[in-house]
Amino acid sequence: MGALLNLVERNLHEVQVDADRMLFHIPSSSLFATDAVTGGIIDTLREQGCSSEELQQRLQSRFSGEDIIDTLRELIALEVVSDGSPLTPEIGLKRVERTAINTVVLNVNTGCNLSCTYCYKEDLDKPSAGKKMDVETAIASVEMLLKESPDEERFTVVFFGGEPLSNRKLIEYMVDYCEKRFAEAGKLVEFVMTTNATLLTEETVDYLNAHRFGLSVSIDGPKTVHDRNRITVGGQGTYDVVRRKAQMLLSRYNSRPVGARVTLTTGVTDVETIWDHLFNELGFAEVGFAPVTSGDISSFNLTSDELVQVFANMKALGRRYLEAALEHRNIGFSNLHQLITDIHEGHKKALPCGAGLKMLAVDHKGELNLCHRFTGSSLPTFGNVHSGVKQVELNDFLSQRLDRSGTGCDSCRIRNLCSGGCYHESYARYGDPTHPTYHYCELMRDWIDFGIEVYSRIMAANPAFISRYITPRKAH
């Protein structure tokens, strides 16, 4: 008798879409439609392990021996079925030995002309007390990029705050510097900025347009929602001015799509109404939602019940996304759009994001932070733009998160899409940025199952949507 065959449950997950069984191959984040032979093998081995010969005997009345053997060979190669051979370590890399930093976030001013009640920025200041980054620190940040990652071809410089446009002089200087410096080095550079829109003028918009900035506007929805938390230092709502400036921006800006970034806090769960206002009424190209579950000010965190409602409402909007996609329209729901991109491209993430691995954030003193959310926090920094990256400390930190042993992530079916969740959420909730974000694991698993269903339906009924709206997403 041959080797005992067993199903490797940790490597597969099935999602039923109408009559189709979709097999999500967890190690590679790949999706397959399960044919009858594959389904038969999985069902048989799920009941009880057996030898190859016994498997063929059980299935021979339904399938040819050749089809069974060929399919079994494929499933063993995918390590969905084990014949007793050692399984490939899912993360072959047990340590991060080298980072390739290609993105730097310049925190150009800690000052902000707004006083949003839920702001996570630990170094936020009123406008008069804002600490502006100087030119020397900004230049050193860019030179650090080129020195640390000479083999990278494309680089991104992100301008962040506070409100970054409150230090527009530095932004313009650095755009000029970067365009010349990266061109001389034979590299490409792009600029990205998130703004509250209040300081935009026609002249500013035209300048940003000329340099093809990737822009996101922080806006929380209709007036009654937005003015709850996004207020001036004097306590006044900002919706009217933000709407006016955003409409001006959208009417003039044509170099790249402009997105809206929505923060969902307690009492705010109506995702569809917010999306409808920002996409259909104001005309943003994309709307992305960020639920607050671990903010420093706990009174703004969504309750457990509210978080469940948020995900239910996101799925309701997702069904509208699917309906539009089948009509070859993209309705700009960026949370689902990104998930479908990840599934289509088979993204496999050993770490949750590029923080520390591809990106570092520079505060006004030149200290290197894991990401923009950590500037001003008590988390130790990872070097300085003048002295360089503390590679040993940074690699130790990333390697600690890379190690999933003893965590719920080790066998979780979405471990290669979620990878434990946001470092800052973990830091804010558990005091440890390497701690997995367990508080919404089940909701995330359900959300990704929903994404698999939506993707499967689009691929079955209108695959042209993927090639039109998903595949070109990387190319700007």
Protein backbone atom coordinates (compact mmCIF):
# COMPACT_ATOMS: atom_id res chain seq x y z
CA MET A 1 0.00 0.00 0.00
CA GLY A 2 1.28 3.46 -0.85
CA ALA A 3 1.81 6.44 1.40
CA LEU A 4 -1.13 7.71 3.42
CA LEU A 5 -2.68 10.79 1.83
CA ASN A 6 -4.16 13.56 3.97
CA LEU A 7 -5.80 16.88 3.28
CA VAL A 8 -3.69 19.85 4.38
CA GLU A 9 -6.54 21.97 5.74
CA ARG A 10 -4.31 24.90 6.67
CA ASN A 11 -3.46 25.41 2.99
CA LEU A 12 -6.95 25.54 1.49
CA HIS A 13 -10.21 27.35 1.99
CA GLU A 14 -13.40 26.89 -0.02
CA VAL A 15 -16.01 29.50 -0.82
CA GLN A 16 -19.28 28.42 -2.41
CA VAL A 17 -20.49 30.75 -5.18
CA ASP A 18 -23.81 29.48 -6.44
CA ALA A 19 -23.05 26.01 -7.86
CA ASP A 20 -19.30 26.63 -8.01
CA ARG A 21 -16.79 25.60 -5.36
CA MET A 22 -13.98 28.16 -5.33
CA LEU A 23 -10.71 26.91 -3.87
CA PHE A 24 -8.56 29.60 -2.27
CA HIS A 25 -4.97 28.33 -2.14
CA ILE A 26 -3.73 30.02 1.03
CA PRO A 27 0.06 29.75 0.57
CA SER A 28 -0.04 31.51 -2.82
CA SER A 29 -3.23 33.59 -2.39
CA SER A 30 -4.45 32.03 -5.65
CA LEU A 31 -8.05 31.22 -6.51
CA PHE A 32 -9.23 28.22 -8.52
CA ALA A 33 -12.60 26.92 -9.61
CA THR A 34 -12.81 23.40 -8.19
CA ASP A 35 -13.70 20.81 -10.83
CA ALA A 36 -15.57 17.61 -10.02
CA VAL A 37 -12.42 15.46 -9.68
CA THR A 38 -10.74 17.95 -7.33
CA GLY A 39 -13.91 18.24 -5.27
CA GLY A 40 -14.19 14.46 -5.07
CA ILE A 41 -10.61 14.07 -3.85
CA ILE A 42 -11.01 16.83 -1.25
CA ASP A 43 -14.31 15.43 0.06
CA THR A 44 -12.94 11.88 0.25
CA LEU A 45 -9.77 12.87 2.08
CA ARG A 46 -11.71 15.22 4.37
CA GLU A 47 -13.67 12.20 5.60
CA GLN A 48 -10.57 10.06 6.16
CA GLY A 49 -6.98 9.82 4.97
CA CYS A 50 -6.20 6.93 2.67
CA SER A 51 -3.62 5.64 0.17
CA SER A 52 -3.59 6.61 -3.48
CA GLU A 53 -4.87 3.16 -4.39
CA GLU A 54 -7.77 3.39 -1.93
CA LEU A 55 -8.60 6.88 -3.19
CA GLN A 56 -8.84 5.60 -6.76
CA GLN A 57 -11.04 2.73 -5.66
CA ARG A 58 -13.45 5.09 -3.90
CA LEU A 59 -13.67 7.43 -6.89
CA GLN A 60 -13.37 5.02 -9.84
CA SER A 61 -17.11 4.85 -10.39
CA ARG A 62 -17.20 8.60 -11.03
CA PHE A 63 -13.87 9.46 -12.68
CA SER A 64 -11.19 7.85 -14.84
CA GLY A 65 -8.04 6.62 -13.12
CA GLU A 66 -5.94 8.95 -15.27
CA ASP A 67 -7.94 12.03 -14.21
CA ILE A 68 -7.69 11.04 -10.56
CA ILE A 69 -3.91 10.53 -10.73
CA ASP A 70 -3.29 13.77 -12.67
CA THR A 71 -5.44 15.84 -10.32
CA LEU A 72 -3.92 14.22 -7.23
CA ARG A 73 -0.44 15.04 -8.54
CA GLU A 74 -1.44 18.69 -8.93
CA LEU A 75 -2.95 18.85 -5.43
CA ILE A 76 0.18 17.31 -3.91
CA ALA A 77 2.32 19.86 -5.79
CA LEU A 78 0.13 22.63 -4.35
CA GLU A 79 0.50 20.99 -0.92
CA VAL A 80 -3.27 20.87 -0.56
CA VAL A 81 -2.81 17.09 -0.24
CA SER A 82 0.10 15.61 1.69
CA ASP A 83 1.73 12.28 0.88
CA GLY A 84 3.88 12.49 4.00
CA SER A 85 6.65 14.55 2.39
CA PRO A 86 7.82 17.60 4.39
CA LEU A 87 5.77 20.68 3.56
CA THR A 88 7.49 23.77 2.20
CA PRO A 89 7.91 26.43 4.89
CA GLU A 90 5.25 28.99 4.06
CA ILE A 91 7.54 31.88 4.73
CA GLY A 92 10.87 30.69 3.46
CA LEU A 93 12.45 33.82 4.89
CA LYS A 94 12.63 33.55 8.67
CA ARG A 95 14.46 36.82 9.07
CA VAL A 96 14.44 40.14 7.31
CA GLU A 97 18.06 40.77 6.45
CA ARG A 98 17.66 43.71 4.13
CA THR A 99 15.04 46.34 3.48
CA ALA A 100 14.57 48.24 0.24
CA ILE A 101 13.18 51.60 1.29
CA ASN A 102 11.64 53.23 -1.78
CA THR A 103 9.12 55.51 -0.03
CA VAL A 104 9.70 58.27 2.45
CA VAL A 105 6.95 60.13 4.31
CA LEU A 106 7.96 63.67 5.14
CA ASN A 107 6.06 65.01 8.15
CA VAL A 108 6.50 68.58 6.92
CA ASN A 109 4.58 70.29 9.74
CA THR A 110 3.17 69.04 13.04
CA GLY A 111 0.83 72.03 12.98
CA CYS A 112 -2.69 71.76 11.59
CA ASN A 113 -5.32 74.39 11.01
CA LEU A 114 -8.01 71.90 12.04
CA SER A 115 -8.58 70.20 15.36
CA CYS A 116 -10.24 66.93 14.40
CA THR A 117 -11.40 65.32 17.60
CA TYR A 118 -10.29 61.78 16.72
CA CYS A 119 -6.84 62.62 15.28
CA TYR A 120 -4.31 59.86 16.01
CA LYS A 121 -1.30 62.11 15.42
CA GLU A 122 0.64 62.11 18.66
CA ASP A 123 2.81 65.04 17.60
CA LEU A 124 -0.07 67.24 16.42
CA ASP A 125 0.17 70.95 17.25
CA LYS A 126 -1.96 74.04 16.79
CA PRO A 127 -0.89 76.15 13.80
CA SER A 128 1.09 78.63 15.89
CA ALA A 129 3.01 75.85 17.63
CA GLY A 130 3.64 73.71 14.55
CA LYS A 131 7.15 72.31 14.13
CA LYS A 132 8.06 72.61 10.47
CA MET A 133 10.58 70.35 8.81
CA ASP A 134 13.57 72.27 7.47
CA VAL A 135 15.09 71.95 4.02
CA GLU A 136 18.23 70.19 5.27
CA THR A 137 16.21 67.40 6.89
CA ALA A 138 14.02 66.97 3.82
CA ILE A 139 17.02 66.77 1.48
CA ALA A 140 18.76 64.32 3.80
CA SER A 141 15.61 62.15 3.71
CA VAL A 142 15.75 61.93 -0.07
CA GLU A 143 19.48 61.27 -0.11
CA MET A 144 18.90 58.51 2.45
CA LEU A 145 16.44 56.89 0.04
CA LEU A 146 18.97 56.79 -2.77
CA LYS A 147 21.76 55.60 -0.51
CA GLU A 148 19.74 52.85 1.19
CA SER A 149 18.17 51.47 -1.98
CA PRO A 150 20.40 52.12 -5.00
CA ASP A 151 18.85 49.26 -6.97
CA GLU A 152 15.28 50.54 -6.80
CA GLU A 153 13.95 52.14 -9.99
CA ARG A 154 10.87 53.98 -8.67
CA PHE A 155 10.60 56.13 -5.55
CA THR A 156 7.74 57.88 -3.79
CA VAL A 157 7.91 61.01 -1.66
CA VAL A 158 4.85 61.54 0.53
CA PHE A 159 4.07 64.92 2.07
CA PHE A 160 2.20 64.62 5.35
CA GLY A 161 1.20 66.66 8.39
CA GLY A 162 -0.60 68.15 10.36
CA GLU A 163 -1.78 69.80 7.22
CA PRO A 164 1.08 69.50 4.70
CA LEU A 165 0.03 72.55 2.67
CA SER A 166 0.77 74.69 5.72
CA ASN A 167 4.41 74.18 4.72
CA ARG A 168 3.92 74.59 0.99
CA LYS A 169 7.23 76.39 0.61
CA LEU A 170 9.11 73.24 1.60
CA ILE A 171 6.93 71.07 -0.62
CA GLU A 172 7.69 73.18 -3.69
CA TYR A 173 11.40 73.25 -2.91
CA MET A 174 11.49 69.46 -2.52
CA VAL A 175 9.49 68.80 -5.70
CA ASP A 176 12.03 70.82 -7.63
CA TYR A 177 14.93 69.13 -5.86
CA CYS A 178 13.53 65.62 -6.35
CA GLU A 179 12.67 66.00 -10.00
CA LYS A 180 16.24 67.04 -10.77
CA ARG A 181 17.96 64.64 -8.36
CA PHE A 182 16.11 61.48 -9.36
CA ALA A 183 16.39 62.30 -13.05
CA GLU A 184 20.17 62.66 -12.66
CA ALA A 185 20.24 59.28 -10.94
CA GLY A 186 18.18 57.69 -13.73
CA LYS A 187 15.30 57.02 -11.35
CA LEU A 188 11.58 57.79 -11.38
CA VAL A 189 9.87 59.69 -8.57
CA GLU A 190 6.24 60.41 -7.76
CA PHE A 191 4.64 62.65 -5.14
CA VAL A 192 1.73 61.81 -2.86
CA MET A 193 -0.18 63.96 -0.39
CA THR A 194 -3.17 63.69 1.94
CA THR A 195 -4.81 67.06 2.62
CA ASN A 196 -7.82 68.41 4.49
CA ALA A 197 -8.38 70.65 1.39
CA THR A 198 -8.96 73.85 3.39
CA LEU A 199 -5.79 75.56 2.10
CA LEU A 200 -6.30 74.71 -1.56
CA THR A 201 -6.42 77.56 -4.06
CA GLU A 202 -6.76 77.38 -7.83
CA GLU A 203 -3.08 78.20 -8.17
CA THR A 204 -2.12 75.46 -5.68
CA VAL A 205 -4.28 72.91 -7.45
CA ASP A 206 -2.72 73.77 -10.80
CA TYR A 207 0.75 73.40 -9.29
CA LEU A 208 -0.08 69.95 -7.85
CA ASN A 209 -1.67 68.96 -11.15
CA ALA A 210 1.42 69.96 -13.12
CA HIS A 211 3.54 67.66 -10.95
CA ARG A 212 1.02 64.81 -11.01
CA PHE A 213 0.55 64.45 -7.27
CA GLY A 214 -1.40 61.45 -6.02
CA LEU A 215 -4.00 63.20 -3.88
CA SER A 216 -6.34 62.08 -1.14
CA VAL A 217 -8.75 64.42 0.64
CA SER A 218 -9.78 63.74 4.23
CA ILE A 219 -13.55 64.17 4.29
CA ASP A 220 -16.00 62.14 6.36
CA GLY A 221 -19.19 62.47 4.32
CA PRO A 222 -22.24 64.75 4.31
CA LYS A 223 -22.29 67.87 6.49
CA THR A 224 -23.96 66.26 9.51
CA VAL A 225 -21.35 63.49 9.58
CA HIS A 226 -18.27 65.51 8.62
CA ASP A 227 -18.90 68.33 11.11
CA ARG A 228 -19.16 65.92 14.05
CA ASN A 229 -15.39 65.59 14.31
CA ARG A 230 -13.62 67.56 11.59
CA ILE A 231 -13.66 70.99 13.18
CA THR A 232 -11.48 74.09 13.38
CA VAL A 233 -9.29 74.95 16.34
CA GLY A 234 -12.17 77.23 17.38
CA GLY A 235 -14.66 74.36 17.28
CA GLN A 236 -16.50 75.22 14.04
CA GLY A 237 -17.51 72.60 11.48
CA THR A 238 -15.45 72.57 8.26
CA TYR A 239 -17.77 70.82 5.80
CA ASP A 240 -18.82 73.92 3.86
CA VAL A 241 -15.28 75.06 3.14
CA VAL A 242 -14.00 71.52 2.45
CA ARG A 243 -16.85 70.84 0.02
CA ARG A 244 -16.22 74.12 -1.83
CA LYS A 245 -12.48 73.49 -2.07
CA ALA A 246 -12.94 69.83 -3.02
CA GLN A 247 -15.32 70.71 -5.85
CA MET A 248 -12.85 73.27 -7.13
CA LEU A 249 -10.08 70.67 -6.95
CA LEU A 250 -12.09 68.03 -8.77
CA SER A 251 -13.10 70.45 -11.52
CA ARG A 252 -9.48 71.39 -12.28
CA TYR A 253 -7.45 68.28 -11.46
CA ASN A 254 -6.94 65.89 -14.38
CA SER A 255 -3.49 64.33 -14.04
CA ARG A 256 -4.59 61.52 -11.68
CA PRO A 257 -7.77 60.34 -9.94
CA VAL A 258 -8.46 62.02 -6.60
CA GLY A 259 -9.65 59.88 -3.71
CA ALA A 260 -11.58 60.61 -0.52
CA ARG A 261 -10.47 59.15 2.79
CA VAL A 262 -13.24 58.61 5.35
CA THR A 263 -12.67 57.97 9.05
CA LEU A 264 -15.46 55.99 10.69
CA THR A 265 -15.89 56.64 14.42
CA THR A 266 -18.52 55.63 16.96
CA GLY A 267 -21.99 56.51 15.77
CA VAL A 268 -20.92 56.59 12.10
CA THR A 269 -21.63 53.33 10.27
CA ASP A 270 -23.72 54.33 7.24
CA VAL A 271 -21.12 53.49 4.62
CA GLU A 272 -23.51 53.59 1.65
CA THR A 273 -24.83 57.09 2.33
CA ILE A 274 -21.31 58.45 2.82
CA TRP A 275 -20.07 56.78 -0.38
CA ASP A 276 -23.07 58.03 -2.35
CA HIS A 277 -22.43 61.61 -1.24
CA LEU A 278 -18.71 61.58 -1.96
CA PHE A 279 -18.80 59.58 -5.20
CA ASN A 280 -22.06 60.61 -6.85
CA GLU A 281 -22.60 64.11 -5.47
CA LEU A 282 -19.05 65.45 -5.09
CA GLY A 283 -17.38 63.35 -7.77
CA PHE A 284 -14.39 61.72 -6.05
CA ALA A 285 -12.89 58.91 -8.11
CA GLU A 286 -12.49 56.60 -5.11
CA VAL A 287 -13.78 56.49 -1.55
CA GLY A 288 -11.91 54.54 1.12
CA PHE A 289 -13.11 53.84 4.65
CA ALA A 290 -10.92 53.58 7.76
CA PRO A 291 -12.82 52.22 10.79
CA VAL A 292 -11.39 53.43 14.11
CA THR A 293 -11.13 50.57 16.61
CA SER A 294 -7.99 51.37 18.57
CA GLY A 295 -7.65 55.13 18.70
CA ASP A 296 -5.87 56.82 21.58
CA ILE A 297 -9.14 58.48 22.59
CA SER A 298 -11.27 55.41 23.26
CA SER A 299 -14.55 57.34 23.19
CA PHE A 300 -14.21 57.60 19.40
CA ASN A 301 -13.63 53.89 18.82
CA LEU A 302 -16.39 51.92 17.13
CA THR A 303 -18.04 49.50 19.52
CA SER A 304 -17.99 45.79 18.71
CA ASP A 305 -21.60 45.97 17.54
CA GLU A 306 -20.87 49.04 15.43
CA LEU A 307 -17.88 47.33 13.81
CA VAL A 308 -20.12 44.40 12.86
CA GLN A 309 -22.54 46.92 11.35
CA VAL A 310 -19.74 48.66 9.43
CA PHE A 311 -18.66 45.40 7.80
CA ALA A 312 -22.29 44.53 6.99
CA ASN A 313 -22.71 47.95 5.38
CA MET A 314 -19.44 47.57 3.48
CA LYS A 315 -20.77 44.30 2.07
CA ALA A 316 -24.00 46.06 1.07
CA LEU A 317 -21.94 48.64 -0.82
CA GLY A 318 -19.86 45.76 -2.19
CA ARG A 319 -22.99 44.28 -3.75
CA ARG A 320 -23.57 47.60 -5.50
CA TYR A 321 -19.92 47.46 -6.64
CA LEU A 322 -20.57 44.00 -8.10
CA GLU A 323 -23.75 45.10 -9.84
CA ALA A 324 -21.89 48.03 -11.41
CA ALA A 325 -18.91 45.85 -12.38
CA LEU A 326 -21.19 43.49 -14.27
CA GLU A 327 -22.35 46.58 -16.20
CA HIS A 328 -18.69 47.50 -16.75
CA ARG A 329 -18.73 50.44 -14.35
CA ASN A 330 -16.35 51.12 -11.45
CA ILE A 331 -18.05 52.88 -8.55
CA GLY A 332 -14.84 53.70 -6.71
CA PHE A 333 -15.23 51.66 -3.51
CA SER A 334 -11.51 51.44 -2.85
CA ASN A 335 -11.58 48.96 0.08
CA LEU A 336 -13.17 46.27 -2.10
CA HIS A 337 -11.28 47.38 -5.20
CA GLN A 338 -7.97 46.83 -3.41
CA LEU A 339 -9.06 43.44 -2.08
CA ILE A 340 -10.06 42.30 -5.56
CA THR A 341 -6.70 43.54 -6.85
CA ASP A 342 -4.91 41.47 -4.19
CA ILE A 343 -6.90 38.36 -5.09
CA HIS A 344 -6.47 38.83 -8.83
CA GLU A 345 -2.72 39.38 -8.58
CA GLY A 346 -2.22 36.66 -5.97
CA HIS A 347 -0.65 38.98 -3.44
CA LYS A 348 1.08 37.12 -0.65
CA LYS A 349 2.13 39.28 2.26
CA ALA A 350 4.52 38.01 4.89
CA LEU A 351 4.17 41.38 6.63
CA PRO A 352 1.03 43.53 6.84
CA CYS A 353 2.32 46.53 4.89
CA GLY A 354 5.43 48.23 3.62
CA ALA A 355 6.16 50.06 6.89
CA GLY A 356 9.82 49.56 7.71
CA LEU A 357 10.25 47.26 4.74
CA LYS A 358 9.63 49.67 1.87
CA MET A 359 8.71 52.87 3.70
CA LEU A 360 9.84 55.00 6.63
CA ALA A 361 8.39 58.24 7.97
CA VAL A 362 10.59 61.20 8.88
CA ASP A 363 9.58 63.58 11.66
CA HIS A 364 10.65 67.22 11.88
CA LYS A 365 13.84 66.22 13.74
CA GLY A 366 14.86 63.74 11.06
CA GLU A 367 14.08 60.68 13.17
CA LEU A 368 13.00 57.59 11.21
CA ASN A 369 9.65 56.18 12.31
CA LEU A 370 8.00 52.94 11.27
CA CYS A 371 5.23 54.91 9.53
CA HIS A 372 3.50 58.29 9.70
CA ARG A 373 1.20 57.08 12.48
CA PHE A 374 4.15 56.60 14.83
CA THR A 375 5.71 60.06 14.62
CA GLY A 376 5.64 61.52 18.12
CA SER A 377 4.90 58.16 19.75
CA SER A 378 6.99 56.41 22.40
CA LEU A 379 8.01 53.64 19.99
CA PRO A 380 11.79 53.85 19.50
CA THR A 381 12.80 55.24 16.13
CA PHE A 382 14.95 53.36 13.64
CA GLY A 383 17.70 55.86 12.97
CA ASN A 384 17.98 59.37 11.63
CA VAL A 385 18.18 60.72 8.09
CA HIS A 386 21.60 62.19 8.83
CA SER A 387 23.15 59.09 10.39
CA GLY A 388 21.20 56.45 8.42
CA VAL A 389 18.82 53.57 9.10
CA LYS A 390 19.42 51.35 12.12
CA GLN A 391 19.19 48.24 10.00
CA VAL A 392 19.82 45.74 12.81
CA GLU A 393 17.05 47.14 15.00
CA LEU A 394 14.67 47.51 12.07
CA ASN A 395 15.34 44.00 10.80
CA ASP A 396 14.90 42.60 14.32
CA PHE A 397 11.51 44.29 14.61
CA LEU A 398 10.28 43.08 11.21
CA SER A 399 11.57 39.56 11.87
CA GLN A 400 9.64 39.44 15.13
CA ARG A 401 6.40 40.17 13.26
CA LEU A 402 7.42 37.73 10.52
CA ASP A 403 7.43 34.89 13.05
CA ARG A 404 3.84 33.62 13.29
CA SER A 405 4.56 30.65 15.56
CA GLY A 406 2.37 30.63 18.65
CA THR A 407 -0.05 33.19 17.20
CA GLY A 408 -3.51 32.90 15.73
CA CYS A 409 -2.01 33.92 12.40
CA ASP A 410 -0.09 30.66 12.06
CA SER A 411 -2.99 28.70 10.58
CA CYS A 412 -5.47 31.47 9.76
CA ARG A 413 -6.88 31.25 6.24
CA ILE A 414 -6.25 34.95 5.53
CA ARG A 415 -2.76 34.99 7.03
CA ASN A 416 -1.15 35.97 3.72
CA LEU A 417 -3.59 38.80 2.98
CA CYS A 418 -3.98 40.30 6.46
CA SER A 419 -0.63 39.26 7.97
CA GLY A 420 -1.66 40.19 11.47
CA GLY A 421 -3.05 43.65 10.79
CA CYS A 422 -1.85 47.23 11.22
CA TYR A 423 1.20 47.81 13.44
CA HIS A 424 -0.25 51.02 14.86
CA GLU A 425 -3.59 49.41 15.70
CA SER A 426 -1.69 46.72 17.60
CA TYR A 427 0.44 49.34 19.33
CA ALA A 428 -2.56 51.46 20.32
CA ARG A 429 -4.66 48.52 21.51
CA TYR A 430 -2.09 46.15 22.99
CA GLY A 431 0.95 48.36 23.55
CA ASP A 432 2.91 46.09 21.19
CA PRO A 433 3.17 46.74 17.43
CA THR A 434 4.04 43.08 16.78
CA HIS A 435 0.83 41.80 18.42
CA PRO A 436 -1.81 40.57 15.90
CA THR A 437 -5.02 42.60 15.76
CA TYR A 438 -7.26 39.83 17.04
CA HIS A 439 -10.26 42.05 17.76
CA TYR A 440 -11.69 41.86 14.24
CA CYS A 441 -10.22 38.64 12.83
CA GLU A 442 -13.57 36.96 12.17
CA LEU A 443 -14.93 40.06 10.46
CA MET A 444 -11.86 40.22 8.22
CA ARG A 445 -12.16 36.53 7.33
CA ASP A 446 -15.78 37.07 6.33
CA TRP A 447 -14.87 40.22 4.37
CA ILE A 448 -12.23 38.35 2.36
CA ASP A 449 -14.68 35.50 1.67
CA PHE A 450 -17.03 38.18 0.34
CA GLY A 451 -14.22 39.57 -1.84
CA ILE A 452 -13.57 36.09 -3.24
CA GLU A 453 -17.27 35.76 -4.09
CA VAL A 454 -17.42 39.17 -5.80
CA TYR A 455 -14.23 38.50 -7.74
CA SER A 456 -15.49 35.08 -8.86
CA ARG A 457 -18.77 36.52 -10.09
CA ILE A 458 -17.00 39.29 -12.02
CA MET A 459 -14.57 36.85 -13.63
CA ALA A 460 -17.44 34.57 -14.64
CA ALA A 461 -19.74 37.26 -16.06
CA ASN A 462 -17.53 40.20 -17.09
CA PRO A 463 -13.78 39.50 -16.95
CA ALA A 464 -13.24 42.61 -19.09
CA PHE A 465 -13.89 44.66 -15.95
CA ILE A 466 -10.72 43.21 -14.39
CA SER A 467 -8.56 44.06 -17.39
CA ARG A 468 -10.11 47.53 -17.63
CA TYR A 469 -10.14 48.62 -13.98
CA ILE A 470 -7.92 46.26 -11.95
CA THR A 471 -4.90 45.41 -14.11
CA PRO A 472 -3.98 49.05 -15.00
CA ARG A 473 -4.14 50.09 -11.32
CA LYS A 474 -0.37 49.91 -10.91
CA ALA A 475 0.38 52.06 -13.92
CA HIS A 476 0.08 55.78 -13.26
